[in-house]
C-alpha atoms as a PDB file:
ATOM      1  CA  MET A   1    -341.958 -16.899  11.119  1.00  0.00           C
ATOM      2  CA  LEU A   2    -342.144 -13.422   9.749  1.00  0.00           C
ATOM      3  CA  ALA A   3    -343.488 -13.613   5.912  1.00  0.00           C
ATOM      4  CA  PRO A   4    -341.646 -11.599   3.475  1.00  0.00           C
ATOM      5  CA  VAL A   5    -342.596  -8.041   2.772  1.00  0.00           C
ATOM      6  CA  PRO A   6    -343.492  -7.620  -0.819  1.00  0.00           C
ATOM      7  CA  ARG A   7    -341.196  -5.105  -2.852  1.00  0.00           C
ATOM      8  CA  PRO A   8    -342.672  -1.619  -3.698  1.00  0.00           C
ATOM      9  CA  PRO A   9    -343.552  -1.554  -7.707  1.00  0.00           C
ATOM     10  CA  GLY A  10    -341.113   1.266  -8.085  1.00  0.00           C
ATOM     11  CA  SER A  11    -338.301  -0.665  -6.593  1.00  0.00           C
ATOM     12  CA  LEU A  12    -334.416  -0.629  -7.882  1.00  0.00           C
ATOM     13  CA  ALA A  13    -335.105  -4.990  -8.772  1.00  0.00           C
ATOM     14  CA  VAL A  14    -337.467  -3.868 -10.807  1.00  0.00           C
ATOM     15  CA  ARG A  15    -336.170   0.108 -12.379  1.00  0.00           C
ATOM     16  CA  CYS A  16    -333.687  -2.138 -13.205  1.00  0.00           C
ATOM     17  CA  SER A  17    -335.244  -4.737 -15.097  1.00  0.00           C
ATOM     18  CA  ARG A  18    -337.121  -2.024 -17.090  1.00  0.00           C
ATOM     19  CA  ALA A  19    -334.083  -0.723 -18.521  1.00  0.00           C
ATOM     20  CA  LEU A  20    -332.279  -3.643 -19.308  1.00  0.00           C
ATOM     21  CA  LEU A  21    -335.863  -4.627 -21.297  1.00  0.00           C
ATOM     22  CA  SER A  22    -335.793  -1.142 -22.440  1.00  0.00           C
ATOM     23  CA  PRO A  23    -335.701  -0.459 -26.243  1.00  0.00           C
ATOM     24  CA  ARG A  24    -332.681   1.245 -26.078  1.00  0.00           C
ATOM     25  CA  SER A  25    -331.050  -1.392 -24.262  1.00  0.00           C
ATOM     26  CA  ARG A  26    -332.123  -3.684 -26.669  1.00  0.00           C
ATOM     27  CA  LEU A  27    -330.764  -2.275 -29.344  1.00  0.00           C
ATOM     28  CA  SER A  28    -327.449  -1.286 -27.929  1.00  0.00           C
ATOM     29  CA  LEU A  29    -327.210  -4.912 -27.393  1.00  0.00           C
ATOM     30  CA  LEU A  30    -328.146  -5.693 -30.866  1.00  0.00           C
ATOM     31  CA  ALA A  31    -325.508  -3.183 -32.153  1.00  0.00           C
ATOM     32  CA  LEU A  32    -322.681  -4.659 -29.585  1.00  0.00           C
ATOM     33  CA  LEU A  33    -323.724  -8.090 -31.153  1.00  0.00           C
ATOM     34  CA  LEU A  34    -322.988  -6.887 -34.950  1.00  0.00           C
ATOM     35  CA  LEU A  35    -319.845  -5.000 -34.016  1.00  0.00           C
ATOM     36  CA  THR A  36    -318.370  -8.283 -32.720  1.00  0.00           C
ATOM     37  CA  ALA A  37    -319.563 -10.024 -35.329  1.00  0.00           C
ATOM     38  CA  ALA A  38    -317.888  -8.242 -38.180  1.00  0.00           C
ATOM     39  CA  THR A  39    -314.612  -7.905 -35.528  1.00  0.00           C
ATOM     40  CA  LEU A  40    -314.361 -11.582 -35.647  1.00  0.00           C
ATOM     41  CA  VAL A  41    -314.836 -11.697 -39.409  1.00  0.00           C
ATOM     42  CA  VAL A  42    -312.253  -9.110 -40.275  1.00  0.00           C
ATOM     43  CA  LEU A  43    -309.620 -10.834 -37.734  1.00  0.00           C
ATOM     44  CA  TYR A  44    -310.799 -14.536 -38.485  1.00  0.00           C
ATOM     45  CA  GLU A  45    -311.556 -14.173 -42.057  1.00  0.00           C
ATOM     46  CA  PRO A  46    -314.109 -17.502 -41.760  1.00  0.00           C
ATOM     47  CA  GLN A  47    -314.548 -17.455 -45.509  1.00  0.00           C
ATOM     48  CA  ARG A  48    -311.414 -18.550 -45.905  1.00  0.00           C
ATOM     49  CA  MET A  49    -311.769 -21.667 -43.575  1.00  0.00           C
ATOM     50  CA  LEU A  50    -314.847 -22.331 -45.527  1.00  0.00           C
ATOM     51  CA  ALA A  51    -313.177 -21.923 -49.195  1.00  0.00           C
ATOM     52  CA  SER A  52    -310.044 -23.975 -48.372  1.00  0.00           C
ATOM     53  CA  GLY A  53    -311.068 -27.433 -47.802  1.00  0.00           C
ATOM     54  CA  TRP A  54    -313.461 -26.943 -44.654  1.00  0.00           C
ATOM     55  CA  PRO A  55    -314.192 -29.492 -43.184  1.00  0.00           C
ATOM     56  CA  PRO A  56    -310.956 -31.768 -43.441  1.00  0.00           C
ATOM     57  CA  HIS A  57    -312.886 -34.764 -41.341  1.00  0.00           C
ATOM     58  CA  THR A  58    -316.594 -35.299 -42.444  1.00  0.00           C
ATOM     59  CA  SER A  59    -317.884 -36.136 -45.782  1.00  0.00           C
ATOM     60  CA  GLY A  60    -321.300 -36.811 -47.287  1.00  0.00           C
ATOM     61  CA  ALA A  61    -324.375 -35.099 -45.562  1.00  0.00           C
ATOM     62  CA  GLY A  62    -322.354 -34.564 -42.460  1.00  0.00           C
ATOM     63  CA  ALA A  63    -320.487 -32.016 -44.173  1.00  0.00           C
ATOM     64  CA  VAL A  64    -322.753 -30.467 -46.037  1.00  0.00           C
ATOM     65  CA  LEU A  65    -325.015 -30.134 -43.127  1.00  0.00           C
ATOM     66  CA  LEU A  66    -322.028 -28.418 -40.910  1.00  0.00           C
ATOM     67  CA  PHE A  67    -321.357 -26.384 -43.899  1.00  0.00           C
ATOM     68  CA  GLY A  68    -324.727 -25.080 -43.927  1.00  0.00           C
ATOM     69  CA  LEU A  69    -325.076 -24.131 -40.031  1.00  0.00           C
ATOM     70  CA  ALA A  70    -321.355 -22.474 -40.905  1.00  0.00           C
ATOM     71  CA  TYR A  71    -322.860 -20.206 -43.959  1.00  0.00           C
ATOM     72  CA  GLY A  72    -325.824 -19.210 -41.692  1.00  0.00           C
ATOM     73  CA  VAL A  73    -323.342 -18.251 -38.963  1.00  0.00           C
ATOM     74  CA  CYS A  74    -320.714 -16.250 -41.597  1.00  0.00           C
ATOM     75  CA  ALA A  75    -323.435 -14.733 -43.250  1.00  0.00           C
ATOM     76  CA  ALA A  76    -325.162 -13.297 -40.257  1.00  0.00           C
ATOM     77  CA  ALA A  77    -321.904 -12.000 -39.378  1.00  0.00           C
ATOM     78  CA  PHE A  78    -321.473 -10.052 -42.476  1.00  0.00           C
ATOM     79  CA  VAL A  79    -319.499 -12.368 -44.376  1.00  0.00           C
ATOM     80  CA  PRO A  80    -320.233 -12.093 -48.068  1.00  0.00           C
ATOM     81  CA  ARG A  81    -322.515 -15.037 -49.390  1.00  0.00           C
ATOM     82  CA  PRO A  82    -320.978 -14.688 -52.868  1.00  0.00           C
ATOM     83  CA  VAL A  83    -318.230 -15.821 -50.939  1.00  0.00           C
ATOM     84  CA  LEU A  84    -319.525 -18.910 -49.192  1.00  0.00           C
ATOM     85  CA  ASN A  85    -321.511 -19.338 -52.476  1.00  0.00           C
ATOM     86  CA  LEU A  86    -318.534 -19.890 -54.270  1.00  0.00           C
ATOM     87  CA  ALA A  87    -316.707 -22.266 -51.038  1.00  0.00           C
ATOM     88  CA  ALA A  88    -319.945 -24.284 -51.941  1.00  0.00           C
ATOM     89  CA  GLY A  89    -319.449 -25.171 -55.322  1.00  0.00           C
ATOM     90  CA  ALA A  90    -315.733 -25.600 -54.754  1.00  0.00           C
ATOM     91  CA  LEU A  91    -316.227 -28.001 -52.203  1.00  0.00           C
ATOM     92  CA  PHE A  92    -319.020 -30.034 -53.059  1.00  0.00           C
ATOM     93  CA  GLY A  93    -320.040 -29.764 -56.591  1.00  0.00           C
ATOM     94  CA  SER A  94    -322.943 -27.928 -58.239  1.00  0.00           C
ATOM     95  CA  ALA A  95    -325.936 -29.642 -56.767  1.00  0.00           C
ATOM     96  CA  VAL A  96    -325.057 -30.854 -52.997  1.00  0.00           C
ATOM     97  CA  GLY A  97    -323.169 -26.972 -52.844  1.00  0.00           C
ATOM     98  CA  LEU A  98    -325.992 -25.252 -54.196  1.00  0.00           C
ATOM     99  CA  THR A  99    -328.195 -27.548 -51.479  1.00  0.00           C
ATOM    100  CA  GLY A 100    -326.217 -26.482 -48.455  1.00  0.00           C
ATOM    101  CA  ALA A 101    -325.706 -22.873 -49.542  1.00  0.00           C
ATOM    102  CA  LEU A 102    -329.426 -22.593 -50.041  1.00  0.00           C
ATOM    103  CA  ALA A 103    -329.905 -23.903 -46.357  1.00  0.00           C
ATOM    104  CA  GLY A 104    -327.489 -21.471 -44.843  1.00  0.00           C
ATOM    105  CA  THR A 105    -328.821 -18.690 -46.683  1.00  0.00           C
ATOM    106  CA  VAL A 106    -331.968 -19.030 -44.698  1.00  0.00           C
ATOM    107  CA  LEU A 107    -330.882 -19.957 -41.954  1.00  0.00           C
ATOM    108  CA  GLY A 108    -328.386 -16.570 -41.572  1.00  0.00           C
ATOM    109  CA  ALA A 109    -331.380 -14.885 -43.251  1.00  0.00           C
ATOM    110  CA  GLY A 110    -334.113 -16.218 -40.040  1.00  0.00           C
ATOM    111  CA  VAL A 111    -330.895 -15.087 -37.219  1.00  0.00           C
ATOM    112  CA  ALA A 112    -330.781 -11.519 -38.669  1.00  0.00           C
ATOM    113  CA  PHE A 113    -334.284 -11.101 -38.748  1.00  0.00           C
ATOM    114  CA  THR A 114    -334.978 -12.439 -35.095  1.00  0.00           C
ATOM    115  CA  LEU A 115    -332.291 -10.220 -33.919  1.00  0.00           C
ATOM    116  CA  GLY A 116    -333.363  -7.277 -35.529  1.00  0.00           C
ATOM    117  CA  ARG A 117    -337.016  -7.973 -34.496  1.00  0.00           C
ATOM    118  CA  PHE A 118    -336.852  -8.963 -31.079  1.00  0.00           C
ATOM    119  CA  LEU A 119    -333.575  -6.350 -30.260  1.00  0.00           C
ATOM    120  CA  GLY A 120    -333.918  -3.152 -32.877  1.00  0.00           C
ATOM    121  CA  GLN A 121    -337.446  -3.387 -33.638  1.00  0.00           C
ATOM    122  CA  ASP A 122    -339.352  -1.400 -30.769  1.00  0.00           C
ATOM    123  CA  ALA A 123    -336.287   1.593 -30.862  1.00  0.00           C
ATOM    124  CA  LEU A 124    -335.995   1.676 -34.322  1.00  0.00           C
ATOM    125  CA  ARG A 125    -339.855   1.784 -35.431  1.00  0.00           C
ATOM    126  CA  PRO A 126    -339.927   5.429 -34.195  1.00  0.00           C
ATOM    127  CA  PHE A 127    -337.361   6.734 -36.646  1.00  0.00           C
ATOM    128  CA  VAL A 128    -339.107   5.412 -39.624  1.00  0.00           C
ATOM    129  CA  ARG A 129    -339.904   8.864 -40.991  1.00  0.00           C
ATOM    130  CA  GLY A 130    -339.275  10.861 -44.539  1.00  0.00           C
ATOM    131  CA  ARG A 131    -340.559   9.928 -47.816  1.00  0.00           C
ATOM    132  CA  TRP A 132    -338.550   6.825 -49.084  1.00  0.00           C
ATOM    133  CA  LEU A 133    -338.109   5.300 -45.438  1.00  0.00           C
ATOM    134  CA  THR A 134    -341.830   5.286 -44.770  1.00  0.00           C
ATOM    135  CA  ALA A 135    -342.636   4.275 -48.230  1.00  0.00           C
ATOM    136  CA  ALA A 136    -339.909   1.339 -48.295  1.00  0.00           C
ATOM    137  CA  ASP A 137    -341.684   0.583 -44.548  1.00  0.00           C
ATOM    138  CA  GLY A 138    -344.902   0.126 -45.575  1.00  0.00           C
ATOM    139  CA  GLN A 139    -343.889  -1.849 -48.930  1.00  0.00           C
ATOM    140  CA  LEU A 140    -342.472  -4.370 -47.215  1.00  0.00           C
ATOM    141  CA  SER A 141    -345.211  -4.383 -44.205  1.00  0.00           C
ATOM    142  CA  ARG A 142    -347.801  -4.702 -46.555  1.00  0.00           C
ATOM    143  CA  HIS A 143    -346.581  -6.756 -49.822  1.00  0.00           C
ATOM    144  CA  GLY A 144    -343.800  -8.726 -47.641  1.00  0.00           C
ATOM    145  CA  PHE A 145    -343.564 -11.953 -49.994  1.00  0.00           C
ATOM    146  CA  ARG A 146    -343.265 -10.378 -53.493  1.00  0.00           C
ATOM    147  CA  SER A 147    -340.802  -7.237 -52.121  1.00  0.00           C
ATOM    148  CA  MET A 148    -338.583  -9.568 -50.151  1.00  0.00           C
ATOM    149  CA  LEU A 149    -338.965 -11.933 -53.288  1.00  0.00           C
ATOM    150  CA  ALA A 150    -338.025  -8.946 -55.461  1.00  0.00           C
ATOM    151  CA  ILE A 151    -335.377  -7.972 -53.536  1.00  0.00           C
ATOM    152  CA  ARG A 152    -333.345 -11.616 -53.326  1.00  0.00           C
ATOM    153  CA  LEU A 153    -333.466 -12.234 -57.350  1.00  0.00           C
ATOM    154  CA  PHE A 154    -332.418  -8.432 -58.009  1.00  0.00           C
ATOM    155  CA  PRO A 155    -329.457  -8.592 -56.124  1.00  0.00           C
ATOM    156  CA  GLY A 156    -328.959  -4.417 -55.218  1.00  0.00           C
ATOM    157  CA  VAL A 157    -329.405  -4.668 -51.581  1.00  0.00           C
ATOM    158  CA  PRO A 158    -327.212  -5.885 -49.574  1.00  0.00           C
ATOM    159  CA  PHE A 159    -327.721  -9.484 -47.706  1.00  0.00           C
ATOM    160  CA  ALA A 160    -328.007  -8.052 -44.080  1.00  0.00           C
ATOM    161  CA  ALA A 161    -329.529  -4.727 -45.100  1.00  0.00           C
ATOM    162  CA  ALA A 162    -331.998  -6.450 -46.143  1.00  0.00           C
ATOM    163  CA  ASN A 163    -332.371  -8.612 -43.485  1.00  0.00           C
ATOM    164  CA  TYR A 164    -332.725  -5.720 -40.619  1.00  0.00           C
ATOM    165  CA  CYS A 165    -335.239  -3.932 -42.734  1.00  0.00           C
ATOM    166  CA  ALA A 166    -337.541  -6.499 -42.853  1.00  0.00           C
ATOM    167  CA  ALA A 167    -336.940  -7.076 -39.111  1.00  0.00           C
ATOM    168  CA  VAL A 168    -338.306  -3.200 -38.410  1.00  0.00           C
ATOM    169  CA  SER A 169    -340.854  -3.495 -40.619  1.00  0.00           C
ATOM    170  CA  ARG A 170    -344.040  -5.833 -39.957  1.00  0.00           C
ATOM    171  CA  MET A 171    -343.626  -8.341 -42.138  1.00  0.00           C
ATOM    172  CA  GLY A 172    -344.017 -11.704 -40.589  1.00  0.00           C
ATOM    173  CA  TYR A 173    -341.518 -14.811 -40.349  1.00  0.00           C
ATOM    174  CA  ALA A 174    -343.402 -16.948 -43.401  1.00  0.00           C
ATOM    175  CA  PRO A 175    -343.384 -14.383 -46.052  1.00  0.00           C
ATOM    176  CA  PHE A 176    -339.561 -13.192 -45.374  1.00  0.00           C
ATOM    177  CA  LEU A 177    -338.236 -16.814 -45.041  1.00  0.00           C
ATOM    178  CA  VAL A 178    -340.320 -18.928 -48.033  1.00  0.00           C
ATOM    179  CA  ALA A 179    -339.339 -15.060 -50.317  1.00  0.00           C
ATOM    180  CA  THR A 180    -335.582 -15.590 -49.296  1.00  0.00           C
ATOM    181  CA  ALA A 181    -335.541 -19.015 -50.378  1.00  0.00           C
ATOM    182  CA  LEU A 182    -337.106 -18.872 -53.516  1.00  0.00           C
ATOM    183  CA  GLY A 183    -335.505 -15.209 -54.384  1.00  0.00           C
ATOM    184  CA  SER A 184    -332.479 -16.256 -53.722  1.00  0.00           C
ATOM    185  CA  VAL A 185    -332.040 -19.632 -55.487  1.00  0.00           C
ATOM    186  CA  PRO A 186    -330.781 -17.912 -59.009  1.00  0.00           C
ATOM    187  CA  ASN A 187    -328.021 -15.958 -58.048  1.00  0.00           C
ATOM    188  CA  THR A 188    -326.969 -18.337 -55.380  1.00  0.00           C
ATOM    189  CA  ALA A 189    -327.126 -21.107 -58.165  1.00  0.00           C
ATOM    190  CA  ALA A 190    -324.779 -19.086 -60.653  1.00  0.00           C
ATOM    191  CA  TYR A 191    -321.963 -18.416 -58.094  1.00  0.00           C
ATOM    192  CA  VAL A 192    -322.471 -22.109 -56.772  1.00  0.00           C
ATOM    193  CA  VAL A 193    -321.930 -23.317 -60.139  1.00  0.00           C
ATOM    194  CA  ALA A 194    -319.264 -21.069 -61.030  1.00  0.00           C
ATOM    195  CA  GLY A 195    -317.227 -21.946 -58.197  1.00  0.00           C
ATOM    196  CA  ALA A 196    -317.761 -25.954 -59.376  1.00  0.00           C
ATOM    197  CA  GLN A 197    -316.437 -24.919 -62.521  1.00  0.00           C
ATOM    198  CA  ALA A 198    -313.396 -22.777 -61.588  1.00  0.00           C
ATOM    199  CA  GLY A 199    -311.063 -24.824 -62.705  1.00  0.00           C
ATOM    200  CA  SER A 200    -312.474 -24.500 -65.922  1.00  0.00           C
ATOM    201  CA  PRO A 201    -313.266 -21.050 -66.499  1.00  0.00           C
ATOM    202  CA  GLY A 202    -313.821 -21.619 -70.733  1.00  0.00           C
ATOM    203  CA  SER A 203    -316.460 -24.217 -70.031  1.00  0.00           C
ATOM    204  CA  PRO A 204    -319.954 -23.747 -71.239  1.00  0.00           C
ATOM    205  CA  ALA A 205    -321.522 -23.720 -67.532  1.00  0.00           C
ATOM    206  CA  PHE A 206    -318.919 -21.361 -65.685  1.00  0.00           C
ATOM    207  CA  LEU A 207    -319.947 -18.543 -68.774  1.00  0.00           C
ATOM    208  CA  PHE A 208    -323.244 -18.915 -68.213  1.00  0.00           C
ATOM    209  CA  SER A 209    -323.186 -18.759 -64.827  1.00  0.00           C
ATOM    210  CA  ALA A 210    -320.486 -15.762 -65.118  1.00  0.00           C
ATOM    211  CA  GLY A 211    -323.180 -13.523 -67.502  1.00  0.00           C
ATOM    212  CA  PHE A 212    -326.015 -14.445 -65.664  1.00  0.00           C
ATOM    213  CA  ILE A 213    -324.131 -12.774 -62.510  1.00  0.00           C
ATOM    214  CA  VAL A 214    -323.182  -9.849 -64.712  1.00  0.00           C
ATOM    215  CA  LEU A 215    -326.885  -9.683 -66.506  1.00  0.00           C
ATOM    216  CA  SER A 216    -328.195 -10.357 -62.924  1.00  0.00           C
ATOM    217  CA  GLY A 217    -326.505  -7.285 -61.732  1.00  0.00           C
ATOM    218  CA  LEU A 218    -327.619  -4.806 -64.535  1.00  0.00           C
ATOM    219  CA  GLY A 219    -330.843  -6.090 -64.358  1.00  0.00           C
ATOM    220  CA  ALA A 220    -330.846  -4.481 -60.451  1.00  0.00           C
ATOM    221  CA  ALA A 221    -329.394  -1.479 -61.426  1.00  0.00           C
ATOM    222  CA  VAL A 222    -332.499  -0.826 -63.966  1.00  0.00           C
ATOM    223  CA  VAL A 223    -335.200  -2.070 -61.628  1.00  0.00           C
ATOM    224  CA  ALA A 224    -333.508   0.378 -58.971  1.00  0.00           C
ATOM    225  CA  TRP A 225    -333.363   3.243 -61.070  1.00  0.00           C
ATOM    226  CA  ARG A 226    -336.903   2.979 -61.771  1.00  0.00           C
ATOM    227  CA  LYS A 227    -338.532   1.733 -58.548  1.00  0.00           C
ATOM    228  CA  ARG A 228    -337.394   5.052 -57.148  1.00  0.00           C
ATOM    229  CA  HIS A 229    -340.339   6.817 -58.522  1.00  0.00           C
ATOM    230  CA  GLY A 230    -342.638   4.115 -57.513  1.00  0.00           C
ATOM    231  CA  LEU A 231    -341.358   4.856 -54.139  1.00  0.00           C
ATOM    232  CA  ARG A 232    -341.921   8.375 -54.016  1.00  0.00           C
ATOM    233  CA  ALA A 233    -345.131   8.392 -55.417  1.00  0.00           C
ATOM    234  CA  ALA A 234    -346.267   5.724 -53.110  1.00  0.00           C
ATOM    235  CA  ALA A 235    -344.715   7.282 -49.896  1.00  0.00           C
ATOM    236  CA  PRO A 236    -347.558   8.581 -47.695  1.00  0.00           C
ATOM    237  CA  ALA A 237    -347.953  12.196 -46.122  1.00  0.00           C
ATOM    238  CA  PRO A 238    -346.581  12.651 -42.559  1.00  0.00           C
ATOM    239  CA  ALA A 239    -349.928  12.965 -40.840  1.00  0.00           C
ATOM    240  CA  ALA A 240    -351.307  10.161 -42.539  1.00  0.00           C
ATOM    241  CA  GLU A 241    -348.299   8.222 -41.725  1.00  0.00           C
ATOM    242  CA  ALA A 242    -348.617   9.722 -38.212  1.00  0.00           C
ATOM    243  CA  GLU A 243    -352.219   8.390 -37.888  1.00  0.00           C
ATOM    244  CA  ARG A 244    -351.146   5.001 -39.514  1.00  0.00           C
ATOM    245  CA  GLU A 245    -349.292   4.239 -36.980  1.00  0.00           C
ATOM    246  CA  ARG A 246    -351.565   5.698 -34.181  1.00  0.00           C
ATOM    247  CA  VAL A 247    -354.184   3.472 -35.397  1.00  0.00           C
ATOM    248  CA  LEU A 248    -351.912   0.092 -35.349  1.00  0.00           C
ATOM    249  CA  ARG A 249    -350.875   0.910 -31.768  1.00  0.00           C
END
């Protein structure tokens, strides 16, 4: 019986597998996934299903678990988190709603970070150039936990943008997820309480949460305005950045 002839290293199968696993192919897959998710959100508006009494046939811990899973998928698919947080408060009240919303926040951030890290990082790293991009990348790579904590505490950077920027940087999973969980508590709680007290817009809890949302937004604008000078000063020279990239490789 004849032994099978091994395929040469340059065979069509090898070339096809390399092409499919190349950074550009993975980035194209990521772009396709994100475009599909955004299209589904526009067509089906899943946030309305969450805000209109979903899930109708479950209660207790099972309902909160399902809501957290749905929240995570929707957050990864670009559904605005404030809408989801308001829905959590309206459906489950302040305490339980906050638990489901935070679980969904961490899940959605983890899904987006994983997709960005495995499908987009290798292709996008060569484009991290320029003073602003290199400064932001260096900040996230070297000081991942505190940088992500500040981003989550001050709602100026969109949730999805922060997830994928962190994925392209060299931030680790643990700092990213822990900073997301801790930093998301204040603003998530404010929206959840506002959703829970939406029927009583004159109540102290609703007024406090609404005021906190406004003040945190203003604080984010002030911090961003002041931080831009720090990013400019921290941006490395192009030659130094190129040498750093060469050493890290």
